[in-house]
Amino acid sequence: MADLLGVTRQTIIAVENGKYNPSLELALKISKLLRMPVEEIFWLDN
C-alpha cells in the first residue's frame, strides 16, 4: 500500500494508529485506492 501511495510504511502505520493526520492529497489517494469515500475512512472527533 505504501509503495502504491508513494509514502513509507511508517507513514501508513502512523495513519492507521492515529498518530499522523494525512494531507488532503494522501487522504484522497487512500480513498481512491480503497475505493471508499474519504468520509468513511477519515473523520473529525468533536
Foldseek 3Di string as FASTA:
>chain_A
DCVQLVHDPVVVVCVVVVNDDDDPSSLVVVCVVVVHPSCVVDDDDD
